[in-house]
């Protein structure tokens, strides 16, 4: 059955992924030993996302393109960053994971740009990868206690610079390979937020204030949220 955004199949995938994500986060919050296990599980899932996707597409009947082979989509890079952020606790990687995961990857779950049919291996791997990134983005502040830098604009600006660097990189790669990584060459075929930002290439400019605004809004609730206390038992 061909996948259609906002269909019952889409709702089922998002509901199941949300339930699994919530279960993992609750388990991580409830016990330090479980927290360690969940952290490692999320790190492994994010770092393994690219080979899992590659295997999934190789088992699919649809012909593979460079966009299926090269791990240069924004969420491919985001998954790698999220895995390293969970393993190392690096502040910059945590910043990129939190803001990128909730501002970009979450949008990809709402309006998935996927051509694979429902419940095919690429369909399953797509949702595993994207939910792993979102779970990491929530896990880092709520479970591990990461907080944005002060003043409030600093961490959103760091994330914005990372997003801008990826956009410039993807434009160069797309010009070289004739691909559409990051949707910087054309909008996705499915409906998405990009449709409301103007035609190409003007939507690339529209992204700039929107991205920083979203990052800044995401920083606000964490400013007032107390960091978890370390376990002393």
Protein backbone atom coordinates (compact mmCIF):
# COMPACT_ATOMS: atom_id res chain seq x y z
CA UNK A 1 0.00 0.00 0.00
CA UNK A 2 1.57 3.36 -1.02
CA UNK A 3 2.30 5.66 1.90
CA UNK A 4 0.26 8.86 2.13
CA UNK A 5 0.97 11.64 4.65
CA UNK A 6 -1.80 12.21 7.23
CA UNK A 7 -3.31 8.81 6.47
CA UNK A 8 -4.25 6.16 9.04
CA UNK A 9 -0.93 4.45 8.35
CA UNK A 10 0.94 7.69 9.04
CA UNK A 11 -1.01 8.19 12.26
CA UNK A 12 -0.30 4.61 13.33
CA UNK A 13 3.45 5.02 12.74
CA UNK A 14 3.59 8.34 14.63
CA UNK A 15 1.48 6.97 17.50
CA UNK A 16 3.61 3.86 17.90
CA UNK A 17 6.85 5.84 17.70
CA UNK A 18 5.58 8.37 20.23
CA UNK A 19 4.58 5.61 22.68
CA UNK A 20 7.98 3.90 22.40
CA UNK A 21 9.77 7.23 22.84
CA UNK A 22 7.70 8.13 25.92
CA UNK A 23 8.30 4.68 27.43
CA UNK A 24 12.06 4.99 27.00
CA UNK A 25 12.15 8.47 28.51
CA UNK A 26 10.04 7.47 31.51
CA UNK A 27 12.25 4.44 32.07
CA UNK A 28 15.39 6.59 31.86
CA UNK A 29 13.99 9.09 34.39
CA UNK A 30 12.97 6.42 36.86
CA UNK A 31 16.29 4.72 37.51
CA UNK A 32 20.00 5.59 36.93
CA UNK A 33 20.75 2.09 35.65
CA UNK A 34 17.89 2.32 33.17
CA UNK A 35 19.07 5.79 32.20
CA UNK A 36 22.46 4.38 31.26
CA UNK A 37 20.81 1.62 29.24
CA UNK A 38 18.43 3.98 27.42
CA UNK A 39 21.26 6.40 26.64
CA UNK A 40 23.33 3.62 25.08
CA UNK A 41 20.32 2.26 23.19
CA UNK A 42 19.48 5.66 21.70
CA UNK A 43 23.13 6.29 20.85
CA UNK A 44 23.39 2.92 19.09
CA UNK A 45 20.14 3.43 17.17
CA UNK A 46 21.22 6.86 15.95
CA UNK A 47 24.72 5.75 14.94
CA UNK A 48 23.34 2.63 13.25
CA UNK A 49 20.63 4.55 11.37
CA UNK A 50 22.63 4.98 8.16
CA UNK A 51 23.64 1.31 7.70
CA UNK A 52 20.11 0.25 8.65
CA UNK A 53 18.68 2.61 6.01
CA UNK A 54 21.16 1.34 3.43
CA UNK A 55 20.21 -2.27 4.08
CA UNK A 56 16.52 -1.36 4.02
CA UNK A 57 16.79 0.29 0.60
CA UNK A 58 18.86 -2.59 -0.81
CA UNK A 59 16.06 -5.00 0.09
CA UNK A 60 13.50 -2.75 -1.61
CA UNK A 61 12.36 -3.16 -5.21
CA UNK A 62 12.73 0.54 -6.00
CA UNK A 63 15.97 1.57 -7.72
CA UNK A 64 18.46 3.26 -5.40
CA UNK A 65 19.60 6.80 -6.11
CA UNK A 66 22.49 8.79 -4.71
CA UNK A 67 20.05 10.31 -2.22
CA UNK A 68 19.39 6.80 -0.84
CA UNK A 69 23.06 5.85 -0.80
CA UNK A 70 24.92 8.88 0.55
CA UNK A 71 24.26 9.84 4.21
CA UNK A 72 23.98 13.54 3.47
CA UNK A 73 20.36 14.26 4.25
CA UNK A 74 19.95 16.57 7.22
CA UNK A 75 18.53 13.78 9.37
CA UNK A 76 21.38 11.42 8.40
CA UNK A 77 23.85 13.93 9.79
CA UNK A 78 21.55 14.73 12.72
CA UNK A 79 21.42 11.05 13.71
CA UNK A 80 25.21 10.80 13.69
CA UNK A 81 25.49 13.99 15.78
CA UNK A 82 22.83 12.75 18.21
CA UNK A 83 24.63 9.44 18.73
CA UNK A 84 27.92 11.19 19.48
CA UNK A 85 26.17 13.72 21.72
CA UNK A 86 24.73 10.91 23.85
CA UNK A 87 28.05 9.09 24.07
CA UNK A 88 30.33 12.07 24.70
CA UNK A 89 28.12 14.71 26.33
CA UNK A 90 29.78 17.33 24.12
CA UNK A 91 27.94 20.66 24.64
CA UNK A 92 27.94 21.70 20.97
CA UNK A 93 26.68 18.29 19.83
CA UNK A 94 23.98 18.41 22.50
CA UNK A 95 22.95 21.88 21.32
CA UNK A 96 22.71 20.77 17.70
CA UNK A 97 20.77 17.65 18.68
CA UNK A 98 18.21 19.46 20.83
CA UNK A 99 17.41 22.29 18.45
CA UNK A 100 17.79 20.31 15.22
CA UNK A 101 15.85 17.32 16.53
CA UNK A 102 12.83 19.32 17.66
CA UNK A 103 12.79 22.03 14.99
CA UNK A 104 13.68 19.95 11.92
CA UNK A 105 13.38 16.20 12.52
CA UNK A 106 10.02 16.55 14.24
CA UNK A 107 8.78 18.38 11.15
CA UNK A 108 9.97 15.44 9.04
CA UNK A 109 7.75 13.12 11.10
CA UNK A 110 4.75 15.40 10.59
CA UNK A 111 5.25 15.67 6.80
CA UNK A 112 7.45 12.68 5.85
CA UNK A 113 9.25 12.90 2.51
CA UNK A 114 9.28 9.17 1.79
CA UNK A 115 8.38 7.28 -1.37
CA UNK A 116 8.43 3.77 0.09
CA UNK A 117 5.20 1.87 0.64
CA UNK A 118 3.67 1.33 4.07
CA UNK A 119 5.54 -1.22 6.24
CA UNK A 120 8.32 -1.80 3.70
CA UNK A 121 11.86 -1.85 5.16
CA UNK A 122 12.63 1.76 4.04
CA UNK A 123 9.38 2.94 5.62
CA UNK A 124 10.23 1.27 8.92
CA UNK A 125 13.85 2.46 8.94
CA UNK A 126 12.72 6.03 8.16
CA UNK A 127 10.55 6.22 11.27
CA UNK A 128 13.10 4.43 13.46
CA UNK A 129 15.78 6.93 12.48
CA UNK A 130 13.64 10.03 12.91
CA UNK A 131 12.13 8.96 16.22
CA UNK A 132 15.61 8.07 17.52
CA UNK A 133 16.75 11.64 16.81
CA UNK A 134 13.67 13.17 18.45
CA UNK A 135 14.04 10.86 21.46
CA UNK A 136 17.67 11.92 21.83
CA UNK A 137 16.68 15.59 21.56
CA UNK A 138 14.23 15.18 24.45
CA UNK A 139 16.45 12.84 26.48
CA UNK A 140 19.37 15.28 26.56
CA UNK A 141 17.59 18.09 28.48
CA UNK A 142 14.95 16.13 30.42
CA UNK A 143 17.05 13.16 31.50
CA UNK A 144 20.67 14.32 31.28
CA UNK A 145 20.00 17.88 32.43
CA UNK A 146 21.54 19.82 29.54
CA UNK A 147 20.50 23.49 29.45
CA UNK A 148 21.07 26.28 26.88
CA UNK A 149 23.83 28.79 27.51
CA UNK A 150 23.20 32.22 28.96
CA UNK A 151 22.19 34.71 27.60
CA UNK A 152 19.24 32.92 26.07
CA UNK A 153 20.09 33.69 22.42
CA UNK A 154 23.54 32.05 22.49
CA UNK A 155 22.61 28.39 22.08
CA UNK A 156 19.91 29.12 19.46
CA UNK A 157 22.49 31.14 17.54
CA UNK A 158 24.99 28.27 17.71
CA UNK A 159 22.31 25.94 16.34
CA UNK A 160 21.45 28.45 13.63
CA UNK A 161 25.09 28.60 12.52
CA UNK A 162 25.08 24.80 12.31
CA UNK A 163 21.91 24.85 10.19
CA UNK A 164 23.35 27.55 7.93
CA UNK A 165 26.57 25.56 7.47
CA UNK A 166 24.54 22.50 6.45
CA UNK A 167 22.47 24.53 3.99
CA UNK A 168 25.57 25.93 2.28
CA UNK A 169 27.16 22.48 2.24
CA UNK A 170 24.03 20.87 0.74
CA UNK A 171 23.77 23.57 -1.95
CA UNK A 172 27.35 22.85 -3.02
CA UNK A 173 26.85 19.06 -2.98
CA UNK A 174 23.60 19.31 -4.91
CA UNK A 175 25.20 21.47 -7.57
CA UNK A 176 27.98 18.92 -7.94
CA UNK A 177 25.90 15.71 -7.88
CA UNK A 178 22.51 16.89 -9.16
CA UNK A 179 20.85 15.75 -5.92
CA UNK A 180 18.42 17.43 -3.54
CA UNK A 181 19.91 16.96 -0.08
CA UNK A 182 18.32 19.29 2.44
CA UNK A 183 15.71 20.23 -0.19
CA UNK A 184 17.94 23.13 -1.20
CA UNK A 185 17.50 22.40 -4.93
CA UNK A 186 13.71 22.06 -4.93
CA UNK A 187 10.89 21.45 -2.46
CA UNK A 188 9.94 17.87 -1.54
CA UNK A 189 7.23 16.22 -3.61
CA UNK A 190 4.93 15.85 -0.61
CA UNK A 191 3.24 18.72 1.18
CA UNK A 192 5.45 20.39 3.78
CA UNK A 193 6.12 23.66 5.58
CA UNK A 194 8.36 24.67 2.66
CA UNK A 195 5.25 25.16 0.52
CA UNK A 196 4.39 28.21 2.64
CA UNK A 197 7.80 29.86 2.41
CA UNK A 198 7.73 30.93 -1.24
CA UNK A 199 9.17 29.42 -4.45
CA UNK A 200 12.74 28.23 -4.89
CA UNK A 201 15.23 29.80 -4.22
CA UNK A 202 13.39 32.36 -2.09
CA UNK A 203 12.33 29.80 0.50
CA UNK A 204 16.01 29.34 1.36
CA UNK A 205 16.08 32.96 2.52
CA UNK A 206 12.76 32.55 4.34
CA UNK A 207 14.32 29.70 6.33
CA UNK A 208 16.83 31.99 8.02
CA UNK A 209 14.64 34.05 10.38
CA UNK A 210 12.25 31.11 10.80
CA UNK A 211 15.02 28.77 11.91
CA UNK A 212 16.44 31.16 14.48
CA UNK A 213 12.95 32.00 15.77
CA UNK A 214 12.11 28.31 16.25
CA UNK A 215 15.42 27.67 18.01
CA UNK A 216 14.87 30.65 20.32
CA UNK A 217 11.33 29.51 21.18
CA UNK A 218 12.63 26.02 22.00
CA UNK A 219 15.19 27.50 24.39
CA UNK A 220 12.63 29.39 26.47
CA UNK A 221 11.01 26.48 28.38
CA UNK A 222 14.42 25.05 29.33
CA UNK A 223 15.48 28.34 30.85
CA UNK A 224 12.94 27.89 33.65
CA UNK A 225 13.28 24.12 33.93
CA UNK A 226 15.46 22.91 36.80
CA UNK A 227 18.21 20.47 35.90
CA UNK A 228 17.79 16.95 37.35
CA UNK A 229 19.69 16.42 40.59
CA UNK A 230 22.52 13.87 40.41
CA UNK A 231 21.80 10.56 42.11
CA UNK A 232 23.83 10.20 45.34
CA UNK A 233 22.71 6.75 46.40
